Amino acid sequence: MSIAADGRSAVADLPSNRWVWQIPFEADVAAADDAPLNGGTFSGTFSLDGETQPLTVHISPGVQGAVSAFLTNTGGNGASVSFVLPGSNADQSGLQPGDVITAVNGQPTDTVAEFNDAIDGRRAGMRVPVTIDRGGQTITLQLRLDNPI
């Protein structure tokens, strides 16, 4: 079963068979990286082999994503990367010391606080497009958020 990014719909692949329904049908799922951070319980219906049944899905809460890097303010021109933890998702995503993060998901990010606000509410493991200035060259990375240390 996979949960859509809107947290309101899901898709499940089940083999066609003769079903004996246990009503209500409930599913406990670990959400994908891009699902809502708070998880939740959602009710609806599903259809299988022409029969519609009630469905309740319990989505596990996520862990707030973080960036395993030390960032400093540049005076309003972005968040400067001073250090990246080797082997972290940030490192594997290509973030390097000396990079200056200027936007997150297309939104300008002038300070470390604005960067933190931009990733607030996003699960660890989620990929976020981050625009950086690297030695005068503009690059967009798909920065995968780390679990907090």
Foldseek 3Di string as FASTA:
>chain_A
DAADLANADDDDDDDADDDDDDPPAEEEEEYDQNHWQQWAKYWDWDDGPRDIHIYIYGYDHAAQFAFQFDWFAPPQQATATQGHPPPFLQVVQPDDHGKGWQDKQPHGHRGPVSVCVNSGRGGQQQFIWTWIQHPNDIDTTRRGTHHDD
